[in-house]
């Protein structure tokens, strides 16, 4: 399974359009947004994706959460406070916004945890669990924004700078 990974877009509509273009050039099963969309208009911009959109709400989404949920209902997006997605018979992908929300039960050999919040790249194995965060993607400096493509076959994350 191949999954697009982005987060912390913080209303940068220009970057959201670029993110959608990049993801649309790959054969993805779905895209996960790790939170901090911030406004409904930004979430609506993800309608350009060819793949289904799933995600979690971040700390900057709380003020407009009701409106964001309405957009999710209109567009068929799945957003929750935490996501748990089965990726094989034995393994799951967990998505949270803040890495402080990672639960002990998430750690299991072969599981994947994705998060946002820190705006920092993370690609590590901890307690036999893969943890990914592509990093900054709401910045204004061309070439410094990052999104990821997660391959769940042997968990790995390819980083794409834009």
C-alpha atoms as a PDB file:
ATOM      1  CA  UNK A   1       0.000   0.000   0.000  1.00  0.00           C
ATOM      2  CA  UNK A   2       1.265   3.492  -0.825  1.00  0.00           C
ATOM      3  CA  UNK A   3       0.045   6.456   1.190  1.00  0.00           C
ATOM      4  CA  UNK A   4       0.655  10.171   0.699  1.00  0.00           C
ATOM      5  CA  UNK A   5       1.584  11.986   3.913  1.00  0.00           C
ATOM      6  CA  UNK A   6       1.272  15.699   4.589  1.00  0.00           C
ATOM      7  CA  UNK A   7       0.327  17.950   7.466  1.00  0.00           C
ATOM      8  CA  UNK A   8       0.603  21.358   9.040  1.00  0.00           C
ATOM      9  CA  UNK A   9      -0.531  23.103   5.857  1.00  0.00           C
ATOM     10  CA  UNK A  10      -1.768  26.101   7.890  1.00  0.00           C
ATOM     11  CA  UNK A  11      -3.881  27.708   5.142  1.00  0.00           C
ATOM     12  CA  UNK A  12      -1.123  27.838   2.544  1.00  0.00           C
ATOM     13  CA  UNK A  13      -3.453  27.332  -0.440  1.00  0.00           C
ATOM     14  CA  UNK A  14      -0.629  27.593  -2.980  1.00  0.00           C
ATOM     15  CA  UNK A  15       1.199  24.721  -1.275  1.00  0.00           C
ATOM     16  CA  UNK A  16      -2.004  22.651  -0.990  1.00  0.00           C
ATOM     17  CA  UNK A  17      -2.453  22.899  -4.770  1.00  0.00           C
ATOM     18  CA  UNK A  18       1.177  21.819  -5.283  1.00  0.00           C
ATOM     19  CA  UNK A  19       0.776  18.961  -2.772  1.00  0.00           C
ATOM     20  CA  UNK A  20      -2.295  17.712  -4.660  1.00  0.00           C
ATOM     21  CA  UNK A  21      -0.421  17.899  -7.993  1.00  0.00           C
ATOM     22  CA  UNK A  22       2.492  15.896  -6.606  1.00  0.00           C
ATOM     23  CA  UNK A  23       0.294  13.258  -4.991  1.00  0.00           C
ATOM     24  CA  UNK A  24      -1.801  12.975  -8.157  1.00  0.00           C
ATOM     25  CA  UNK A  25       1.347  12.063 -10.088  1.00  0.00           C
ATOM     26  CA  UNK A  26       1.749   8.961  -7.896  1.00  0.00           C
ATOM     27  CA  UNK A  27      -0.445   5.891  -7.647  1.00  0.00           C
ATOM     28  CA  UNK A  28      -1.619   6.267  -4.031  1.00  0.00           C
ATOM     29  CA  UNK A  29      -4.196   4.284  -2.104  1.00  0.00           C
ATOM     30  CA  UNK A  30      -5.030   7.379  -0.055  1.00  0.00           C
ATOM     31  CA  UNK A  31      -3.523  10.515   1.509  1.00  0.00           C
ATOM     32  CA  UNK A  32      -3.248  11.268   5.229  1.00  0.00           C
ATOM     33  CA  UNK A  33      -3.184  14.831   6.566  1.00  0.00           C
ATOM     34  CA  UNK A  34      -1.710  14.972  10.063  1.00  0.00           C
ATOM     35  CA  UNK A  35      -3.578  18.092  11.157  1.00  0.00           C
ATOM     36  CA  UNK A  36      -3.391  21.874  11.351  1.00  0.00           C
ATOM     37  CA  UNK A  37      -5.350  22.583   8.209  1.00  0.00           C
ATOM     38  CA  UNK A  38      -6.807  25.554  10.116  1.00  0.00           C
ATOM     39  CA  UNK A  39      -9.660  26.768   7.877  1.00  0.00           C
ATOM     40  CA  UNK A  40     -12.430  25.053   5.889  1.00  0.00           C
ATOM     41  CA  UNK A  41     -11.307  26.701   2.619  1.00  0.00           C
ATOM     42  CA  UNK A  42      -7.950  24.955   2.953  1.00  0.00           C
ATOM     43  CA  UNK A  43      -9.584  21.573   3.499  1.00  0.00           C
ATOM     44  CA  UNK A  44     -11.817  22.183   0.465  1.00  0.00           C
ATOM     45  CA  UNK A  45      -8.681  22.741  -1.630  1.00  0.00           C
ATOM     46  CA  UNK A  46      -7.769  19.071  -1.102  1.00  0.00           C
ATOM     47  CA  UNK A  47     -10.731  18.221  -3.334  1.00  0.00           C
ATOM     48  CA  UNK A  48      -8.127  18.347  -6.146  1.00  0.00           C
ATOM     49  CA  UNK A  49      -6.729  15.004  -4.963  1.00  0.00           C
ATOM     50  CA  UNK A  50      -7.367  11.912  -7.055  1.00  0.00           C
ATOM     51  CA  UNK A  51      -6.966   9.698  -3.963  1.00  0.00           C
ATOM     52  CA  UNK A  52      -9.207   9.573  -0.875  1.00  0.00           C
ATOM     53  CA  UNK A  53      -8.244  11.967   1.943  1.00  0.00           C
ATOM     54  CA  UNK A  54      -8.095  10.899   5.583  1.00  0.00           C
ATOM     55  CA  UNK A  55      -6.668  12.806   8.483  1.00  0.00           C
ATOM     56  CA  UNK A  56      -6.603  13.998  12.041  1.00  0.00           C
ATOM     57  CA  UNK A  57      -7.379  17.342  13.597  1.00  0.00           C
ATOM     58  CA  UNK A  58      -4.547  19.445  14.972  1.00  0.00           C
ATOM     59  CA  UNK A  59      -4.407  22.018  17.742  1.00  0.00           C
ATOM     60  CA  UNK A  60      -4.974  24.824  15.202  1.00  0.00           C
ATOM     61  CA  UNK A  61      -8.125  23.114  13.870  1.00  0.00           C
ATOM     62  CA  UNK A  62     -10.087  23.222  17.105  1.00  0.00           C
ATOM     63  CA  UNK A  63     -11.666  26.670  16.567  1.00  0.00           C
ATOM     64  CA  UNK A  64     -13.147  25.644  13.200  1.00  0.00           C
ATOM     65  CA  UNK A  65     -13.570  21.925  13.879  1.00  0.00           C
ATOM     66  CA  UNK A  66     -17.350  21.994  13.334  1.00  0.00           C
ATOM     67  CA  UNK A  67     -16.922  23.708   9.950  1.00  0.00           C
ATOM     68  CA  UNK A  68     -14.100  21.331   9.016  1.00  0.00           C
ATOM     69  CA  UNK A  69     -16.369  18.370   9.815  1.00  0.00           C
ATOM     70  CA  UNK A  70     -19.009  19.835   7.491  1.00  0.00           C
ATOM     71  CA  UNK A  71     -16.447  20.005   4.667  1.00  0.00           C
ATOM     72  CA  UNK A  72     -15.483  16.385   5.393  1.00  0.00           C
ATOM     73  CA  UNK A  73     -19.121  15.355   5.094  1.00  0.00           C
ATOM     74  CA  UNK A  74     -19.571  17.296   1.816  1.00  0.00           C
ATOM     75  CA  UNK A  75     -16.358  15.987   0.231  1.00  0.00           C
ATOM     76  CA  UNK A  76     -16.297  12.454   1.644  1.00  0.00           C
ATOM     77  CA  UNK A  77     -13.096  13.060   3.630  1.00  0.00           C
ATOM     78  CA  UNK A  78     -12.502  11.059   6.826  1.00  0.00           C
ATOM     79  CA  UNK A  79     -11.092  13.123   9.692  1.00  0.00           C
ATOM     80  CA  UNK A  80     -10.983  12.187  13.378  1.00  0.00           C
ATOM     81  CA  UNK A  81      -8.961  13.089  16.440  1.00  0.00           C
ATOM     82  CA  UNK A  82      -6.907   9.892  15.949  1.00  0.00           C
ATOM     83  CA  UNK A  83      -6.907   7.416  13.071  1.00  0.00           C
ATOM     84  CA  UNK A  84      -6.363   3.675  13.195  1.00  0.00           C
ATOM     85  CA  UNK A  85      -6.075   2.015   9.773  1.00  0.00           C
ATOM     86  CA  UNK A  86      -5.423  -1.684   9.264  1.00  0.00           C
ATOM     87  CA  UNK A  87      -2.570  -2.152   6.774  1.00  0.00           C
ATOM     88  CA  UNK A  88      -2.134  -5.939   6.984  1.00  0.00           C
ATOM     89  CA  UNK A  89      -3.524  -8.923   8.852  1.00  0.00           C
ATOM     90  CA  UNK A  90      -1.418  -8.025  11.875  1.00  0.00           C
ATOM     91  CA  UNK A  91      -0.445  -4.374  11.535  1.00  0.00           C
ATOM     92  CA  UNK A  92      -1.961  -0.937  11.785  1.00  0.00           C
ATOM     93  CA  UNK A  93      -1.131   2.618  10.846  1.00  0.00           C
ATOM     94  CA  UNK A  94      -1.934   5.155  13.543  1.00  0.00           C
ATOM     95  CA  UNK A  95      -2.187   8.878  12.837  1.00  0.00           C
ATOM     96  CA  UNK A  96      -2.092  11.625  15.460  1.00  0.00           C
ATOM     97  CA  UNK A  97      -1.279  15.286  15.229  1.00  0.00           C
ATOM     98  CA  UNK A  98       0.891  15.776  18.300  1.00  0.00           C
ATOM     99  CA  UNK A  99       3.532  13.101  18.980  1.00  0.00           C
ATOM    100  CA  UNK A 100       2.651  13.464  22.678  1.00  0.00           C
ATOM    101  CA  UNK A 101      -0.646  11.743  21.775  1.00  0.00           C
ATOM    102  CA  UNK A 102       1.107   8.519  20.725  1.00  0.00           C
ATOM    103  CA  UNK A 103      -0.295   5.732  22.881  1.00  0.00           C
ATOM    104  CA  UNK A 104       1.619   2.726  24.217  1.00  0.00           C
ATOM    105  CA  UNK A 105      -0.725   0.364  22.361  1.00  0.00           C
ATOM    106  CA  UNK A 106       0.492   1.825  19.025  1.00  0.00           C
ATOM    107  CA  UNK A 107       3.924   0.250  19.522  1.00  0.00           C
ATOM    108  CA  UNK A 108       4.112  -3.178  17.910  1.00  0.00           C
ATOM    109  CA  UNK A 109       6.608  -4.621  15.432  1.00  0.00           C
ATOM    110  CA  UNK A 110       5.553  -3.598  11.916  1.00  0.00           C
ATOM    111  CA  UNK A 111       3.076  -0.902  12.968  1.00  0.00           C
ATOM    112  CA  UNK A 112       3.407   2.612  11.571  1.00  0.00           C
ATOM    113  CA  UNK A 113       2.785   5.877  13.415  1.00  0.00           C
ATOM    114  CA  UNK A 114       2.491   9.172  11.524  1.00  0.00           C
ATOM    115  CA  UNK A 115       2.247  12.588  13.118  1.00  0.00           C
ATOM    116  CA  UNK A 116       2.629  16.285  12.460  1.00  0.00           C
ATOM    117  CA  UNK A 117       2.780  19.264  14.853  1.00  0.00           C
ATOM    118  CA  UNK A 118       6.553  19.614  15.130  1.00  0.00           C
ATOM    119  CA  UNK A 119       7.203  20.710  11.505  1.00  0.00           C
ATOM    120  CA  UNK A 120      10.320  18.547  11.750  1.00  0.00           C
ATOM    121  CA  UNK A 121      11.354  15.565   9.647  1.00  0.00           C
ATOM    122  CA  UNK A 122      11.144  12.222  11.429  1.00  0.00           C
ATOM    123  CA  UNK A 123      11.926   8.800   9.982  1.00  0.00           C
ATOM    124  CA  UNK A 124      12.856   6.347  12.697  1.00  0.00           C
ATOM    125  CA  UNK A 125      12.143   2.972  14.213  1.00  0.00           C
ATOM    126  CA  UNK A 126      11.324   3.028  17.914  1.00  0.00           C
ATOM    127  CA  UNK A 127      10.252  -0.104  19.805  1.00  0.00           C
ATOM    128  CA  UNK A 128      10.104  -1.939  16.438  1.00  0.00           C
ATOM    129  CA  UNK A 129       7.522   0.591  15.213  1.00  0.00           C
ATOM    130  CA  UNK A 130       8.049   2.918  12.240  1.00  0.00           C
ATOM    131  CA  UNK A 131       7.436   6.610  12.987  1.00  0.00           C
ATOM    132  CA  UNK A 132       7.158   9.147  10.170  1.00  0.00           C
ATOM    133  CA  UNK A 133       6.662  12.896   9.822  1.00  0.00           C
ATOM    134  CA  UNK A 134       7.763  14.467   6.516  1.00  0.00           C
ATOM    135  CA  UNK A 135       8.238  17.840   8.223  1.00  0.00           C
ATOM    136  CA  UNK A 136       7.503  21.363   7.057  1.00  0.00           C
ATOM    137  CA  UNK A 137       5.034  21.856   4.214  1.00  0.00           C
ATOM    138  CA  UNK A 138       3.429  25.204   5.007  1.00  0.00           C
ATOM    139  CA  UNK A 139       6.560  27.289   4.615  1.00  0.00           C
ATOM    140  CA  UNK A 140       7.126  29.921   2.012  1.00  0.00           C
ATOM    141  CA  UNK A 141      10.632  28.896   0.938  1.00  0.00           C
ATOM    142  CA  UNK A 142      10.535  27.000  -2.353  1.00  0.00           C
ATOM    143  CA  UNK A 143      12.326  23.672  -2.160  1.00  0.00           C
ATOM    144  CA  UNK A 144      12.144  23.554   1.652  1.00  0.00           C
ATOM    145  CA  UNK A 145       8.619  22.133   1.906  1.00  0.00           C
ATOM    146  CA  UNK A 146       8.318  18.368   2.312  1.00  0.00           C
ATOM    147  CA  UNK A 147       5.669  15.687   1.873  1.00  0.00           C
ATOM    148  CA  UNK A 148       6.057  11.944   2.102  1.00  0.00           C
ATOM    149  CA  UNK A 149       5.059   8.771   0.328  1.00  0.00           C
ATOM    150  CA  UNK A 150       4.807   5.902   2.803  1.00  0.00           C
ATOM    151  CA  UNK A 151       5.166   2.365   1.473  1.00  0.00           C
ATOM    152  CA  UNK A 152       3.646  -0.094   3.946  1.00  0.00           C
ATOM    153  CA  UNK A 153       5.083  -3.217   2.266  1.00  0.00           C
ATOM    154  CA  UNK A 154       8.365  -2.751   4.072  1.00  0.00           C
ATOM    155  CA  UNK A 155       7.649   0.461   5.904  1.00  0.00           C
ATOM    156  CA  UNK A 156       9.628   3.327   4.465  1.00  0.00           C
ATOM    157  CA  UNK A 157       9.013   6.967   3.609  1.00  0.00           C
ATOM    158  CA  UNK A 158      10.168   8.731   0.460  1.00  0.00           C
ATOM    159  CA  UNK A 159      10.504  12.490   0.923  1.00  0.00           C
ATOM    160  CA  UNK A 160       9.525  14.886  -1.842  1.00  0.00           C
ATOM    161  CA  UNK A 161      10.756  18.475  -1.565  1.00  0.00           C
ATOM    162  CA  UNK A 162       8.889  21.251  -3.326  1.00  0.00           C
END
